[in-house]
Amino acid sequence: MEDVKKSALNLAKIATAAGMPLVLTSSQEDRRQGPLVPELEEIAPKAFADLFKRTGIVNAVHDENVNKAVEYTGRRKLVVAGITTEVCVVFPVLQMLDEGYEVGL
């Protein structure tokens, strides 16, 4: 798990340094998933302040606010990361591909 966290933080650092927009989201912070890693606040304070807290919606893009935030970036090429590929990443990526986005993992 420590490797996943380190990778996520590095990805956020690269995106921030490159001027890429970040859309951060979490799900059920009061449950097993827990809150988003607090180190992201230092790396990307604006994105962290704008964090979208979902209430159990597995596919983050099904959350209207997250979907609008992704659209608002104006980007058609996206990088998607999550704690678990089979849950956090696969469902949003499949939907994004259906909507015509180019997605990297």
N, C-alpha and C. Protein backbone atom coordinates (compact mmCIF):
# COMPACT_ATOMS: atom_id res chain seq x y z
N MET A 1 0.82 -1.20 0.00
CA MET A 1 0.00 0.00 0.00
C MET A 1 0.86 1.26 0.00
N GLU A 2 2.00 1.17 0.63
CA GLU A 2 2.90 2.33 0.67
C GLU A 2 3.40 2.69 -0.73
N ASP A 3 3.60 1.67 -1.58
CA ASP A 3 4.02 1.92 -2.97
C ASP A 3 2.92 2.64 -3.75
N VAL A 4 1.68 2.26 -3.52
CA VAL A 4 0.55 2.90 -4.20
C VAL A 4 0.49 4.37 -3.80
N LYS A 5 0.64 4.63 -2.53
CA LYS A 5 0.60 6.01 -2.02
C LYS A 5 1.74 6.82 -2.63
N LYS A 6 2.93 6.27 -2.62
CA LYS A 6 4.09 6.96 -3.16
C LYS A 6 3.89 7.27 -4.65
N SER A 7 3.37 6.31 -5.38
CA SER A 7 3.11 6.51 -6.81
C SER A 7 2.07 7.60 -7.04
N ALA A 8 1.01 7.59 -6.25
CA ALA A 8 -0.04 8.61 -6.39
C ALA A 8 0.51 10.00 -6.11
N LEU A 9 1.32 10.12 -5.09
CA LEU A 9 1.91 11.42 -4.75
C LEU A 9 2.86 11.88 -5.85
N ASN A 10 3.65 10.97 -6.39
CA ASN A 10 4.56 11.32 -7.49
C ASN A 10 3.79 11.75 -8.73
N LEU A 11 2.71 11.05 -9.03
CA LEU A 11 1.89 11.41 -10.17
C LEU A 11 1.30 12.81 -9.99
N ALA A 12 0.85 13.11 -8.79
CA ALA A 12 0.31 14.45 -8.51
C ALA A 12 1.39 15.52 -8.64
N LYS A 13 2.59 15.21 -8.19
CA LYS A 13 3.71 16.17 -8.31
C LYS A 13 4.03 16.44 -9.77
N ILE A 14 4.06 15.40 -10.57
CA ILE A 14 4.36 15.56 -12.01
C ILE A 14 3.26 16.38 -12.68
N ALA A 15 2.02 16.04 -12.40
CA ALA A 15 0.90 16.76 -13.00
C ALA A 15 0.93 18.24 -12.61
N THR A 16 1.18 18.52 -11.35
CA THR A 16 1.23 19.90 -10.87
C THR A 16 2.37 20.65 -11.53
N ALA A 17 3.54 20.03 -11.59
CA ALA A 17 4.71 20.67 -12.21
C ALA A 17 4.48 20.95 -13.69
N ALA A 18 3.72 20.08 -14.35
CA ALA A 18 3.45 20.23 -15.78
C ALA A 18 2.25 21.15 -16.05
N GLY A 19 1.61 21.63 -14.99
CA GLY A 19 0.46 22.52 -15.15
C GLY A 19 -0.80 21.80 -15.59
N MET A 20 -0.87 20.51 -15.33
CA MET A 20 -2.06 19.74 -15.70
C MET A 20 -3.13 19.92 -14.62
N PRO A 21 -4.39 20.01 -15.02
CA PRO A 21 -5.45 20.11 -14.01
C PRO A 21 -5.62 18.78 -13.29
N LEU A 22 -5.93 18.85 -12.01
CA LEU A 22 -6.19 17.65 -11.21
C LEU A 22 -7.63 17.69 -10.73
N VAL A 23 -8.30 16.55 -10.83
CA VAL A 23 -9.63 16.39 -10.25
C VAL A 23 -9.48 15.28 -9.22
N LEU A 24 -9.61 15.62 -7.96
CA LEU A 24 -9.46 14.65 -6.87
C LEU A 24 -10.82 14.27 -6.32
N THR A 25 -10.98 13.00 -6.00
CA THR A 25 -12.24 12.53 -5.46
C THR A 25 -11.99 11.41 -4.45
N SER A 26 -12.87 11.30 -3.50
CA SER A 26 -12.79 10.23 -2.51
C SER A 26 -14.19 9.66 -2.32
N SER A 27 -14.26 8.51 -1.70
CA SER A 27 -15.55 7.87 -1.49
C SER A 27 -15.65 7.35 -0.07
N GLN A 28 -16.70 7.71 0.59
CA GLN A 28 -17.01 7.23 1.93
C GLN A 28 -15.80 7.32 2.87
N GLU A 29 -15.33 8.53 3.08
CA GLU A 29 -14.15 8.75 3.92
C GLU A 29 -14.32 8.25 5.35
N ASP A 30 -15.55 8.13 5.80
CA ASP A 30 -15.80 7.68 7.17
C ASP A 30 -15.83 6.15 7.28
N ARG A 31 -15.59 5.47 6.17
CA ARG A 31 -15.59 4.01 6.16
C ARG A 31 -14.20 3.49 5.87
N ARG A 32 -14.16 2.24 5.45
CA ARG A 32 -12.87 1.56 5.23
C ARG A 32 -11.94 2.31 4.27
N GLN A 33 -12.52 2.95 3.25
CA GLN A 33 -11.71 3.66 2.27
C GLN A 33 -10.86 4.76 2.92
N GLY A 34 -11.43 5.40 3.91
CA GLY A 34 -10.73 6.47 4.62
C GLY A 34 -10.57 7.71 3.76
N PRO A 35 -9.99 8.75 4.36
CA PRO A 35 -9.82 10.01 3.64
C PRO A 35 -8.70 9.94 2.60
N LEU A 36 -8.73 10.87 1.69
CA LEU A 36 -7.67 10.99 0.70
C LEU A 36 -6.36 11.30 1.43
N VAL A 37 -5.26 10.85 0.88
CA VAL A 37 -3.97 11.05 1.55
C VAL A 37 -3.73 12.55 1.75
N PRO A 38 -3.47 12.96 2.99
CA PRO A 38 -3.35 14.38 3.30
C PRO A 38 -2.15 15.06 2.64
N GLU A 39 -1.15 14.30 2.24
CA GLU A 39 0.01 14.89 1.59
C GLU A 39 -0.35 15.57 0.26
N LEU A 40 -1.47 15.17 -0.32
CA LEU A 40 -1.91 15.79 -1.57
C LEU A 40 -2.25 17.27 -1.37
N GLU A 41 -2.61 17.64 -0.16
CA GLU A 41 -2.95 19.04 0.10
C GLU A 41 -1.73 19.94 -0.11
N GLU A 42 -0.57 19.47 0.27
CA GLU A 42 0.66 20.25 0.08
C GLU A 42 1.06 20.29 -1.40
N ILE A 43 0.86 19.19 -2.10
CA ILE A 43 1.26 19.08 -3.50
C ILE A 43 0.32 19.87 -4.40
N ALA A 44 -0.96 19.76 -4.15
CA ALA A 44 -1.97 20.38 -5.01
C ALA A 44 -3.06 21.01 -4.14
N PRO A 45 -2.76 22.13 -3.49
CA PRO A 45 -3.71 22.71 -2.54
C PRO A 45 -5.07 23.08 -3.14
N LYS A 46 -5.11 23.61 -4.35
CA LYS A 46 -6.38 23.99 -4.96
C LYS A 46 -7.23 22.76 -5.26
N ALA A 47 -6.62 21.75 -5.88
CA ALA A 47 -7.36 20.52 -6.19
C ALA A 47 -7.83 19.84 -4.92
N PHE A 48 -7.00 19.87 -3.89
CA PHE A 48 -7.38 19.25 -2.62
C PHE A 48 -8.55 19.99 -1.98
N ALA A 49 -8.53 21.31 -2.06
CA ALA A 49 -9.63 22.11 -1.50
C ALA A 49 -10.93 21.86 -2.25
N ASP A 50 -10.80 21.54 -3.55
CA ASP A 50 -11.98 21.28 -4.38
C ASP A 50 -12.36 19.80 -4.43
N LEU A 51 -11.79 19.00 -3.54
CA LEU A 51 -12.01 17.55 -3.48
C LEU A 51 -13.50 17.21 -3.54
N PHE A 52 -13.83 16.27 -4.39
CA PHE A 52 -15.21 15.80 -4.50
C PHE A 52 -15.35 14.55 -3.63
N LYS A 53 -16.18 14.65 -2.60
CA LYS A 53 -16.42 13.53 -1.68
C LYS A 53 -17.69 12.82 -2.11
N ARG A 54 -17.50 11.65 -2.73
CA ARG A 54 -18.65 10.87 -3.19
C ARG A 54 -19.23 10.08 -2.02
N THR A 55 -20.50 9.77 -2.15
CA THR A 55 -21.18 9.00 -1.10
C THR A 55 -21.49 7.60 -1.58
N GLY A 56 -20.45 6.84 -1.84
CA GLY A 56 -20.62 5.44 -2.19
C GLY A 56 -20.78 5.15 -3.66
N ILE A 57 -20.69 6.15 -4.51
CA ILE A 57 -20.78 5.93 -5.95
C ILE A 57 -19.45 5.33 -6.40
N VAL A 58 -19.50 4.09 -6.88
CA VAL A 58 -18.26 3.39 -7.27
C VAL A 58 -17.61 4.06 -8.47
N ASN A 59 -18.37 4.32 -9.51
CA ASN A 59 -17.84 4.97 -10.69
C ASN A 59 -17.83 6.47 -10.46
N ALA A 60 -16.66 7.03 -10.25
CA ALA A 60 -16.55 8.45 -9.93
C ALA A 60 -17.21 9.34 -10.97
N VAL A 61 -17.20 8.92 -12.23
CA VAL A 61 -17.78 9.72 -13.29
C VAL A 61 -19.31 9.72 -13.24
N HIS A 62 -19.90 8.79 -12.50
CA HIS A 62 -21.35 8.81 -12.30
C HIS A 62 -21.76 9.93 -11.34
N ASP A 63 -20.80 10.45 -10.59
CA ASP A 63 -21.07 11.59 -9.73
C ASP A 63 -21.11 12.83 -10.62
N GLU A 64 -22.24 13.50 -10.67
CA GLU A 64 -22.43 14.63 -11.56
C GLU A 64 -21.36 15.71 -11.37
N ASN A 65 -20.96 15.97 -10.13
CA ASN A 65 -19.96 17.00 -9.87
C ASN A 65 -18.59 16.61 -10.41
N VAL A 66 -18.22 15.35 -10.26
CA VAL A 66 -16.95 14.87 -10.78
C VAL A 66 -16.97 14.93 -12.30
N ASN A 67 -18.05 14.45 -12.89
CA ASN A 67 -18.18 14.46 -14.34
C ASN A 67 -18.04 15.88 -14.89
N LYS A 68 -18.71 16.83 -14.27
CA LYS A 68 -18.64 18.22 -14.71
C LYS A 68 -17.22 18.77 -14.54
N ALA A 69 -16.55 18.39 -13.45
CA ALA A 69 -15.18 18.87 -13.22
C ALA A 69 -14.22 18.35 -14.29
N VAL A 70 -14.41 17.09 -14.68
CA VAL A 70 -13.58 16.52 -15.74
C VAL A 70 -13.85 17.27 -17.05
N GLU A 71 -15.10 17.50 -17.36
CA GLU A 71 -15.44 18.24 -18.57
C GLU A 71 -14.88 19.65 -18.53
N TYR A 72 -14.94 20.28 -17.37
CA TYR A 72 -14.49 21.67 -17.20
C TYR A 72 -13.00 21.83 -17.48
N THR A 73 -12.21 20.77 -17.29
CA THR A 73 -10.78 20.87 -17.57
C THR A 73 -10.54 21.16 -19.05
N GLY A 74 -11.49 20.78 -19.90
CA GLY A 74 -11.34 20.99 -21.32
C GLY A 74 -10.40 20.00 -21.98
N ARG A 75 -9.93 19.06 -21.22
CA ARG A 75 -8.97 18.07 -21.74
C ARG A 75 -9.71 16.85 -22.26
N ARG A 76 -9.24 16.30 -23.37
CA ARG A 76 -9.79 15.05 -23.91
C ARG A 76 -8.86 13.88 -23.66
N LYS A 77 -7.61 14.18 -23.29
CA LYS A 77 -6.64 13.15 -22.92
C LYS A 77 -6.49 13.20 -21.41
N LEU A 78 -6.76 12.08 -20.76
CA LEU A 78 -6.78 12.03 -19.30
C LEU A 78 -5.84 10.95 -18.78
N VAL A 79 -5.35 11.18 -17.57
CA VAL A 79 -4.62 10.17 -16.82
C VAL A 79 -5.48 9.86 -15.61
N VAL A 80 -5.75 8.58 -15.38
CA VAL A 80 -6.61 8.18 -14.28
C VAL A 80 -5.82 7.28 -13.34
N ALA A 81 -5.93 7.55 -12.06
CA ALA A 81 -5.26 6.74 -11.05
C ALA A 81 -6.24 6.47 -9.92
N GLY A 82 -6.02 5.37 -9.22
CA GLY A 82 -6.88 5.02 -8.09
C GLY A 82 -6.21 3.98 -7.23
N ILE A 83 -6.79 3.73 -6.10
CA ILE A 83 -6.22 2.77 -5.16
C ILE A 83 -6.28 1.35 -5.73
N THR A 84 -7.40 0.98 -6.30
CA THR A 84 -7.53 -0.35 -6.89
C THR A 84 -7.95 -0.23 -8.34
N THR A 85 -7.21 -0.88 -9.21
CA THR A 85 -7.51 -0.82 -10.64
C THR A 85 -8.87 -1.42 -10.94
N GLU A 86 -9.19 -2.57 -10.33
CA GLU A 86 -10.43 -3.28 -10.66
C GLU A 86 -11.69 -2.58 -10.18
N VAL A 87 -11.57 -1.59 -9.33
CA VAL A 87 -12.75 -0.86 -8.87
C VAL A 87 -12.61 0.63 -9.14
N CYS A 88 -11.61 1.25 -8.56
CA CYS A 88 -11.47 2.71 -8.63
C CYS A 88 -11.19 3.23 -10.04
N VAL A 89 -10.53 2.42 -10.86
CA VAL A 89 -10.08 2.90 -12.16
C VAL A 89 -10.92 2.35 -13.31
N VAL A 90 -11.21 1.07 -13.30
CA VAL A 90 -11.81 0.45 -14.50
C VAL A 90 -13.17 1.04 -14.87
N PHE A 91 -14.05 1.26 -13.93
CA PHE A 91 -15.38 1.76 -14.26
C PHE A 91 -15.35 3.18 -14.83
N PRO A 92 -14.66 4.12 -14.20
CA PRO A 92 -14.59 5.45 -14.81
C PRO A 92 -13.90 5.44 -16.17
N VAL A 93 -12.83 4.65 -16.30
CA VAL A 93 -12.11 4.62 -17.57
C VAL A 93 -12.98 4.07 -18.69
N LEU A 94 -13.71 3.00 -18.43
CA LEU A 94 -14.59 2.46 -19.46
C LEU A 94 -15.62 3.49 -19.90
N GLN A 95 -16.18 4.21 -18.95
CA GLN A 95 -17.15 5.24 -19.30
C GLN A 95 -16.48 6.37 -20.07
N MET A 96 -15.30 6.79 -19.64
CA MET A 96 -14.60 7.87 -20.33
C MET A 96 -14.26 7.47 -21.77
N LEU A 97 -13.85 6.24 -21.96
CA LEU A 97 -13.58 5.76 -23.32
C LEU A 97 -14.84 5.80 -24.17
N ASP A 98 -15.97 5.38 -23.59
CA ASP A 98 -17.25 5.44 -24.30
C ASP A 98 -17.63 6.87 -24.67
N GLU A 99 -17.19 7.83 -23.84
CA GLU A 99 -17.52 9.24 -24.09
C GLU A 99 -16.50 9.92 -25.00
N GLY A 100 -15.52 9.14 -25.50
CA GLY A 100 -14.58 9.68 -26.47
C GLY A 100 -13.29 10.24 -25.91
N TYR A 101 -13.05 10.06 -24.63
CA TYR A 101 -11.79 10.51 -24.05
C TYR A 101 -10.68 9.52 -24.42
N GLU A 102 -9.45 10.02 -24.45
CA GLU A 102 -8.27 9.17 -24.52
C GLU A 102 -7.76 9.05 -23.10
N VAL A 103 -7.54 7.84 -22.63
CA VAL A 103 -7.21 7.64 -21.21
C VAL A 103 -5.93 6.84 -21.06
N GLY A 104 -5.05 7.31 -20.19
CA GLY A 104 -3.85 6.58 -19.80
C GLY A 104 -3.96 6.21 -18.34
N LEU A 105 -3.36 5.12 -17.97
CA LEU A 105 -3.41 4.68 -16.58
C LEU A 105 -2.06 4.81 -15.94
